[in-house]
């Protein structure tokens, strides 16, 4: 797992990424997605392209261990 440093720059926070995790030179801005204490940085305009590529990166056994509730019988309409 790679680590990055967080530091103060005037009144803003900045992140110093290691060279191995650096964005390509042509990327000048990123979107920040906040989920609790987690931050996800994505090049502007590429968020959905990244998500579209995700299924091909998942293995077939990705959800094999997923717990499912017992199937419920329900009245028809």
PDB file of N, CA and C in Angstrom:
ATOM      1  N   UNK A   1       0.854  -1.176   0.000  1.00  0.00           N
ATOM      2  CA  UNK A   1       0.000   0.000   0.000  1.00  0.00           C
ATOM      3  C   UNK A   1       0.891   1.228   0.000  1.00  0.00           C
ATOM      4  N   UNK A   2       0.608   2.129  -0.900  1.00  0.00           N
ATOM      5  CA  UNK A   2       1.376   3.370  -0.968  1.00  0.00           C
ATOM      6  C   UNK A   2       0.813   4.376   0.024  1.00  0.00           C
ATOM      7  N   UNK A   3       1.657   5.272   0.489  1.00  0.00           N
ATOM      8  CA  UNK A   3       1.231   6.306   1.429  1.00  0.00           C
ATOM      9  C   UNK A   3       1.542   7.672   0.857  1.00  0.00           C
ATOM     10  N   UNK A   4       0.726   8.657   1.233  1.00  0.00           N
ATOM     11  CA  UNK A   4       0.941  10.041   0.811  1.00  0.00           C
ATOM     12  C   UNK A   4       0.973  10.909   2.060  1.00  0.00           C
ATOM     13  N   UNK A   5       1.576  12.074   1.951  1.00  0.00           N
ATOM     14  CA  UNK A   5       1.660  13.011   3.071  1.00  0.00           C
ATOM     15  C   UNK A   5       0.615  14.106   2.913  1.00  0.00           C
ATOM     16  N   UNK A   6      -0.001  14.484   4.032  1.00  0.00           N
ATOM     17  CA  UNK A   6      -0.951  15.593   4.057  1.00  0.00           C
ATOM     18  C   UNK A   6      -0.287  16.733   4.810  1.00  0.00           C
ATOM     19  N   UNK A   7      -0.383  17.935   4.257  1.00  0.00           N
ATOM     20  CA  UNK A   7       0.209  19.087   4.929  1.00  0.00           C
ATOM     21  C   UNK A   7      -0.648  20.319   4.692  1.00  0.00           C
ATOM     22  N   UNK A   8      -0.413  21.352   5.492  1.00  0.00           N
ATOM     23  CA  UNK A   8      -1.135  22.621   5.365  1.00  0.00           C
ATOM     24  C   UNK A   8      -0.393  23.533   4.405  1.00  0.00           C
ATOM     25  N   UNK A   9      -1.142  24.179   3.523  1.00  0.00           N
ATOM     26  CA  UNK A   9      -0.608  25.164   2.597  1.00  0.00           C
ATOM     27  C   UNK A   9      -1.497  26.394   2.753  1.00  0.00           C
ATOM     28  N   UNK A  10      -1.024  27.364   3.532  1.00  0.00           N
ATOM     29  CA  UNK A  10      -1.863  28.490   3.978  1.00  0.00           C
ATOM     30  C   UNK A  10      -3.029  27.918   4.767  1.00  0.00           C
ATOM     31  N   UNK A  11      -4.263  28.136   4.327  1.00  0.00           N
ATOM     32  CA  UNK A  11      -5.417  27.595   5.062  1.00  0.00           C
ATOM     33  C   UNK A  11      -6.001  26.352   4.394  1.00  0.00           C
ATOM     34  N   UNK A  12      -5.327  25.832   3.396  1.00  0.00           N
ATOM     35  CA  UNK A  12      -5.790  24.643   2.681  1.00  0.00           C
ATOM     36  C   UNK A  12      -4.958  23.434   3.059  1.00  0.00           C
ATOM     37  N   UNK A  13      -5.537  22.264   2.856  1.00  0.00           N
ATOM     38  CA  UNK A  13      -4.769  21.034   2.987  1.00  0.00           C
ATOM     39  C   UNK A  13      -4.272  20.652   1.599  1.00  0.00           C
ATOM     40  N   UNK A  14      -3.112  20.055   1.544  1.00  0.00           N
ATOM     41  CA  UNK A  14      -2.551  19.567   0.290  1.00  0.00           C
ATOM     42  C   UNK A  14      -2.051  18.144   0.515  1.00  0.00           C
ATOM     43  N   UNK A  15      -1.993  17.391  -0.553  1.00  0.00           N
ATOM     44  CA  UNK A  15      -1.520  16.010  -0.481  1.00  0.00           C
ATOM     45  C   UNK A  15      -0.303  15.877  -1.376  1.00  0.00           C
ATOM     46  N   UNK A  16       0.755  15.324  -0.836  1.00  0.00           N
ATOM     47  CA  UNK A  16       1.968  15.059  -1.621  1.00  0.00           C
ATOM     48  C   UNK A  16       1.953  13.575  -1.971  1.00  0.00           C
ATOM     49  N   UNK A  17       1.696  13.290  -3.256  1.00  0.00           N
ATOM     50  CA  UNK A  17       1.638  11.905  -3.718  1.00  0.00           C
ATOM     51  C   UNK A  17       3.036  11.395  -4.031  1.00  0.00           C
ATOM     52  N   UNK A  18       3.306  10.123  -3.742  1.00  0.00           N
ATOM     53  CA  UNK A  18       4.594   9.571  -4.153  1.00  0.00           C
ATOM     54  C   UNK A  18       4.645   9.498  -5.684  1.00  0.00           C
ATOM     55  N   UNK A  19       5.825   9.525  -6.243  1.00  0.00           N
ATOM     56  CA  UNK A  19       5.992   9.517  -7.701  1.00  0.00           C
ATOM     57  C   UNK A  19       5.260   8.338  -8.341  1.00  0.00           C
ATOM     58  N   UNK A  20       5.269   7.189  -7.683  1.00  0.00           N
ATOM     59  CA  UNK A  20       4.627   5.996  -8.246  1.00  0.00           C
ATOM     60  C   UNK A  20       3.105   6.114  -8.295  1.00  0.00           C
ATOM     61  N   UNK A  21       2.525   7.072  -7.560  1.00  0.00           N
ATOM     62  CA  UNK A  21       1.073   7.273  -7.551  1.00  0.00           C
ATOM     63  C   UNK A  21       0.675   8.588  -8.216  1.00  0.00           C
ATOM     64  N   UNK A  22       1.633   9.264  -8.833  1.00  0.00           N
ATOM     65  CA  UNK A  22       1.367  10.579  -9.427  1.00  0.00           C
ATOM     66  C   UNK A  22       0.397  10.474 -10.601  1.00  0.00           C
ATOM     67  N   UNK A  23      -0.420  11.517 -10.764  1.00  0.00           N
ATOM     68  CA  UNK A  23      -1.288  11.606 -11.927  1.00  0.00           C
ATOM     69  C   UNK A  23      -0.427  11.924 -13.145  1.00  0.00           C
ATOM     70  N   UNK A  24      -0.889  11.567 -14.350  1.00  0.00           N
ATOM     71  CA  UNK A  24      -0.159  11.959 -15.558  1.00  0.00           C
ATOM     72  C   UNK A  24      -0.054  13.481 -15.649  1.00  0.00           C
ATOM     73  N   UNK A  25       0.971  13.968 -16.308  1.00  0.00           N
ATOM     74  CA  UNK A  25       1.245  15.406 -16.397  1.00  0.00           C
ATOM     75  C   UNK A  25       0.081  16.218 -16.954  1.00  0.00           C
ATOM     76  N   UNK A  26      -0.707  15.643 -17.867  1.00  0.00           N
ATOM     77  CA  UNK A  26      -1.784  16.413 -18.498  1.00  0.00           C
ATOM     78  C   UNK A  26      -2.981  16.644 -17.571  1.00  0.00           C
ATOM     79  N   UNK A  27      -3.059  15.939 -16.459  1.00  0.00           N
ATOM     80  CA  UNK A  27      -4.175  16.116 -15.526  1.00  0.00           C
ATOM     81  C   UNK A  27      -3.834  17.252 -14.573  1.00  0.00           C
ATOM     82  N   UNK A  28      -4.642  18.305 -14.637  1.00  0.00           N
ATOM     83  CA  UNK A  28      -4.385  19.507 -13.839  1.00  0.00           C
ATOM     84  C   UNK A  28      -5.377  19.676 -12.693  1.00  0.00           C
ATOM     85  N   UNK A  29      -6.558  19.034 -12.776  1.00  0.00           N
ATOM     86  CA  UNK A  29      -7.554  19.137 -11.715  1.00  0.00           C
ATOM     87  C   UNK A  29      -8.202  17.779 -11.489  1.00  0.00           C
ATOM     88  N   UNK A  30      -8.644  17.561 -10.247  1.00  0.00           N
ATOM     89  CA  UNK A  30      -9.330  16.325  -9.898  1.00  0.00           C
ATOM     90  C   UNK A  30     -10.621  16.649  -9.162  1.00  0.00           C
ATOM     91  N   UNK A  31     -11.568  15.713  -9.236  1.00  0.00           N
ATOM     92  CA  UNK A  31     -12.774  15.789  -8.423  1.00  0.00           C
ATOM     93  C   UNK A  31     -12.475  15.061  -7.121  1.00  0.00           C
ATOM     94  N   UNK A  32     -13.071  15.513  -6.042  1.00  0.00           N
ATOM     95  CA  UNK A  32     -12.881  14.875  -4.746  1.00  0.00           C
ATOM     96  C   UNK A  32     -14.223  14.318  -4.302  1.00  0.00           C
ATOM     97  N   UNK A  33     -14.285  13.003  -4.102  1.00  0.00           N
ATOM     98  CA  UNK A  33     -15.480  12.342  -3.591  1.00  0.00           C
ATOM     99  C   UNK A  33     -15.216  12.046  -2.124  1.00  0.00           C
ATOM    100  N   UNK A  34     -16.094  12.537  -1.244  1.00  0.00           N
ATOM    101  CA  UNK A  34     -15.939  12.342   0.199  1.00  0.00           C
ATOM    102  C   UNK A  34     -16.948  11.313   0.688  1.00  0.00           C
ATOM    103  N   UNK A  35     -16.450  10.264   1.324  1.00  0.00           N
ATOM    104  CA  UNK A  35     -17.291   9.241   1.937  1.00  0.00           C
ATOM    105  C   UNK A  35     -16.743   9.033   3.342  1.00  0.00           C
ATOM    106  N   UNK A  36     -17.387   9.644   4.336  1.00  0.00           N
ATOM    107  CA  UNK A  36     -16.860   9.602   5.699  1.00  0.00           C
ATOM    108  C   UNK A  36     -15.482  10.239   5.732  1.00  0.00           C
ATOM    109  N   UNK A  37     -14.494   9.527   6.280  1.00  0.00           N
ATOM    110  CA  UNK A  37     -13.117  10.029   6.316  1.00  0.00           C
ATOM    111  C   UNK A  37     -12.323   9.664   5.063  1.00  0.00           C
ATOM    112  N   UNK A  38     -12.951   8.984   4.122  1.00  0.00           N
ATOM    113  CA  UNK A  38     -12.283   8.559   2.891  1.00  0.00           C
ATOM    114  C   UNK A  38     -12.404   9.634   1.823  1.00  0.00           C
ATOM    115  N   UNK A  39     -11.340   9.844   1.056  1.00  0.00           N
ATOM    116  CA  UNK A  39     -11.328  10.786  -0.060  1.00  0.00           C
ATOM    117  C   UNK A  39     -10.863  10.041  -1.298  1.00  0.00           C
ATOM    118  N   UNK A  40     -11.623  10.184  -2.381  1.00  0.00           N
ATOM    119  CA  UNK A  40     -11.266   9.563  -3.650  1.00  0.00           C
ATOM    120  C   UNK A  40     -11.007  10.674  -4.652  1.00  0.00           C
ATOM    121  N   UNK A  41      -9.823  10.698  -5.241  1.00  0.00           N
ATOM    122  CA  UNK A  41      -9.445  11.710  -6.224  1.00  0.00           C
ATOM    123  C   UNK A  41      -9.565  11.105  -7.621  1.00  0.00           C
ATOM    124  N   UNK A  42     -10.325  11.777  -8.484  1.00  0.00           N
ATOM    125  CA  UNK A  42     -10.545  11.308  -9.848  1.00  0.00           C
ATOM    126  C   UNK A  42     -10.339  12.461 -10.814  1.00  0.00           C
ATOM    127  N   UNK A  43      -9.623  12.256 -11.919  1.00  0.00           N
ATOM    128  CA  UNK A  43      -9.490  13.341 -12.894  1.00  0.00           C
ATOM    129  C   UNK A  43     -10.864  13.868 -13.303  1.00  0.00           C
ATOM    130  N   UNK A  44     -10.995  15.179 -13.405  1.00  0.00           N
ATOM    131  CA  UNK A  44     -12.282  15.791 -13.744  1.00  0.00           C
ATOM    132  C   UNK A  44     -12.792  15.214 -15.056  1.00  0.00           C
ATOM    133  N   UNK A  45     -14.068  14.836 -15.043  1.00  0.00           N
ATOM    134  CA  UNK A  45     -14.715  14.307 -16.230  1.00  0.00           C
ATOM    135  C   UNK A  45     -14.469  12.841 -16.500  1.00  0.00           C
ATOM    136  N   UNK A  46     -13.716  12.157 -15.651  1.00  0.00           N
ATOM    137  CA  UNK A  46     -13.397  10.749 -15.891  1.00  0.00           C
ATOM    138  C   UNK A  46     -13.990   9.809 -14.847  1.00  0.00           C
ATOM    139  N   UNK A  47     -14.796  10.338 -13.938  1.00  0.00           N
ATOM    140  CA  UNK A  47     -15.312   9.493 -12.862  1.00  0.00           C
ATOM    141  C   UNK A  47     -16.111   8.315 -13.409  1.00  0.00           C
ATOM    142  N   UNK A  48     -17.028   8.566 -14.327  1.00  0.00           N
ATOM    143  CA  UNK A  48     -17.874   7.486 -14.836  1.00  0.00           C
ATOM    144  C   UNK A  48     -17.092   6.547 -15.742  1.00  0.00           C
ATOM    145  N   UNK A  49     -16.089   7.050 -16.433  1.00  0.00           N
ATOM    146  CA  UNK A  49     -15.255   6.174 -17.257  1.00  0.00           C
ATOM    147  C   UNK A  49     -14.536   5.160 -16.375  1.00  0.00           C
ATOM    148  N   UNK A  50     -14.089   5.619 -15.213  1.00  0.00           N
ATOM    149  CA  UNK A  50     -13.401   4.727 -14.278  1.00  0.00           C
ATOM    150  C   UNK A  50     -14.355   3.653 -13.772  1.00  0.00           C
ATOM    151  N   UNK A  51     -15.556   4.049 -13.380  1.00  0.00           N
ATOM    152  CA  UNK A  51     -16.530   3.079 -12.875  1.00  0.00           C
ATOM    153  C   UNK A  51     -16.936   2.096 -13.965  1.00  0.00           C
ATOM    154  N   UNK A  52     -17.037   2.556 -15.211  1.00  0.00           N
ATOM    155  CA  UNK A  52     -17.416   1.673 -16.312  1.00  0.00           C
ATOM    156  C   UNK A  52     -16.379   0.577 -16.520  1.00  0.00           C
ATOM    157  N   UNK A  53     -15.125   0.852 -16.219  1.00  0.00           N
ATOM    158  CA  UNK A  53     -14.053  -0.128 -16.385  1.00  0.00           C
ATOM    159  C   UNK A  53     -13.990  -1.116 -15.222  1.00  0.00           C
ATOM    160  N   UNK A  54     -14.591  -0.791 -14.109  1.00  0.00           N
ATOM    161  CA  UNK A  54     -14.474  -1.613 -12.905  1.00  0.00           C
ATOM    162  C   UNK A  54     -14.932  -3.061 -13.074  1.00  0.00           C
ATOM    163  N   UNK A  55     -16.102  -3.349 -13.668  1.00  0.00           N
ATOM    164  CA  UNK A  55     -16.539  -4.748 -13.721  1.00  0.00           C
ATOM    165  C   UNK A  55     -15.515  -5.682 -14.352  1.00  0.00           C
ATOM    166  N   UNK A  56     -14.789  -5.223 -15.346  1.00  0.00           N
ATOM    167  CA  UNK A  56     -13.792  -6.082 -15.981  1.00  0.00           C
ATOM    168  C   UNK A  56     -12.621  -6.365 -15.037  1.00  0.00           C
ATOM    169  N   UNK A  57     -12.473  -5.561 -14.000  1.00  0.00           N
ATOM    170  CA  UNK A  57     -11.382  -5.757 -13.056  1.00  0.00           C
ATOM    171  C   UNK A  57     -11.789  -6.663 -11.895  1.00  0.00           C
ATOM    172  N   UNK A  58     -13.084  -6.944 -11.761  1.00  0.00           N
ATOM    173  CA  UNK A  58     -13.555  -7.802 -10.684  1.00  0.00           C
ATOM    174  C   UNK A  58     -13.431  -9.259 -11.099  1.00  0.00           C
ATOM    175  N   UNK A  59     -13.103 -10.108 -10.152  1.00  0.00           N
ATOM    176  CA  UNK A  59     -13.005 -11.535 -10.440  1.00  0.00           C
ATOM    177  C   UNK A  59     -14.377 -12.176 -10.331  1.00  0.00           C
ATOM    178  N   UNK A  60     -14.539 -13.349 -10.931  1.00  0.00           N
ATOM    179  CA  UNK A  60     -15.830 -14.036 -10.927  1.00  0.00           C
ATOM    180  C   UNK A  60     -16.285 -14.412  -9.523  1.00  0.00           C
ATOM    181  N   UNK A  61     -15.355 -14.608  -8.595  1.00  0.00           N
ATOM    182  CA  UNK A  61     -15.713 -15.004  -7.239  1.00  0.00           C
ATOM    183  C   UNK A  61     -15.844 -13.810  -6.294  1.00  0.00           C
ATOM    184  N   UNK A  62     -15.958 -12.622  -6.851  1.00  0.00           N
ATOM    185  CA  UNK A  62     -15.995 -11.396  -6.055  1.00  0.00           C
ATOM    186  C   UNK A  62     -17.069 -11.435  -4.969  1.00  0.00           C
ATOM    187  N   UNK A  63     -18.262 -11.919  -5.290  1.00  0.00           N
ATOM    188  CA  UNK A  63     -19.358 -11.907  -4.326  1.00  0.00           C
ATOM    189  C   UNK A  63     -19.728 -13.309  -3.837  1.00  0.00           C
ATOM    190  N   UNK A  64     -18.846 -14.262  -3.992  1.00  0.00           N
ATOM    191  CA  UNK A  64     -19.148 -15.631  -3.576  1.00  0.00           C
ATOM    192  C   UNK A  64     -19.419 -15.724  -2.077  1.00  0.00           C
ATOM    193  N   UNK A  65     -18.740 -14.945  -1.280  1.00  0.00           N
ATOM    194  CA  UNK A  65     -18.883 -15.002   0.171  1.00  0.00           C
ATOM    195  C   UNK A  65     -19.983 -14.084   0.687  1.00  0.00           C
ATOM    196  N   UNK A  66     -20.694 -13.428  -0.203  1.00  0.00           N
ATOM    197  CA  UNK A  66     -21.707 -12.457   0.198  1.00  0.00           C
ATOM    198  C   UNK A  66     -22.887 -13.159   0.862  1.00  0.00           C
ATOM    199  N   UNK A  67     -23.259 -12.686   2.052  1.00  0.00           N
ATOM    200  CA  UNK A  67     -24.381 -13.273   2.777  1.00  0.00           C
ATOM    201  C   UNK A  67     -25.690 -12.744   2.218  1.00  0.00           C
ATOM    202  N   UNK A  68     -26.613 -13.644   1.929  1.00  0.00           N
ATOM    203  CA  UNK A  68     -27.922 -13.283   1.406  1.00  0.00           C
ATOM    204  C   UNK A  68     -28.988 -13.753   2.389  1.00  0.00           C
ATOM    205  N   UNK A  69     -30.054 -12.965   2.563  1.00  0.00           N
ATOM    206  CA  UNK A  69     -31.135 -13.423   3.439  1.00  0.00           C
ATOM    207  C   UNK A  69     -31.875 -14.589   2.786  1.00  0.00           C
ATOM    208  N   UNK A  70     -32.570 -15.362   3.616  1.00  0.00           N
ATOM    209  CA  UNK A  70     -33.368 -16.475   3.115  1.00  0.00           C
ATOM    210  C   UNK A  70     -34.487 -15.901   2.253  1.00  0.00           C
ATOM    211  N   UNK A  71     -34.773 -16.567   1.140  1.00  0.00           N
ATOM    212  CA  UNK A  71     -35.816 -16.085   0.244  1.00  0.00           C
ATOM    213  C   UNK A  71     -37.161 -16.090   0.966  1.00  0.00           C
ATOM    214  N   UNK A  72     -37.901 -14.999   0.831  1.00  0.00           N
ATOM    215  CA  UNK A  72     -39.179 -14.849   1.521  1.00  0.00           C
ATOM    216  C   UNK A  72     -40.333 -15.195   0.590  1.00  0.00           C
ATOM    217  N   UNK A  73     -41.341 -15.880   1.149  1.00  0.00           N
ATOM    218  CA  UNK A  73     -42.562 -16.116   0.378  1.00  0.00           C
ATOM    219  C   UNK A  73     -43.507 -14.969   0.673  1.00  0.00           C
ATOM    220  N   UNK A  74     -44.072 -14.398  -0.382  1.00  0.00           N
ATOM    221  CA  UNK A  74     -44.973 -13.260  -0.222  1.00  0.00           C
ATOM    222  C   UNK A  74     -46.282 -13.520  -0.951  1.00  0.00           C
ATOM    223  N   UNK A  75     -47.314 -12.840  -0.463  1.00  0.00           N
ATOM    224  CA  UNK A  75     -48.609 -12.943  -1.127  1.00  0.00           C
ATOM    225  C   UNK A  75     -48.551 -12.284  -2.490  1.00  0.00           C
ATOM    226  N   UNK A  76     -49.289 -12.826  -3.435  1.00  0.00           N
ATOM    227  CA  UNK A  76     -49.382 -12.201  -4.747  1.00  0.00           C
ATOM    228  C   UNK A  76     -50.321 -11.002  -4.687  1.00  0.00           C
ATOM    229  N   UNK A  77     -50.318 -10.212  -5.733  1.00  0.00           N
ATOM    230  CA  UNK A  77     -51.192  -9.034  -5.779  1.00  0.00           C
ATOM    231  C   UNK A  77     -52.601  -9.397  -6.127  1.00  0.00           C
TER     232      UNK A  77
END
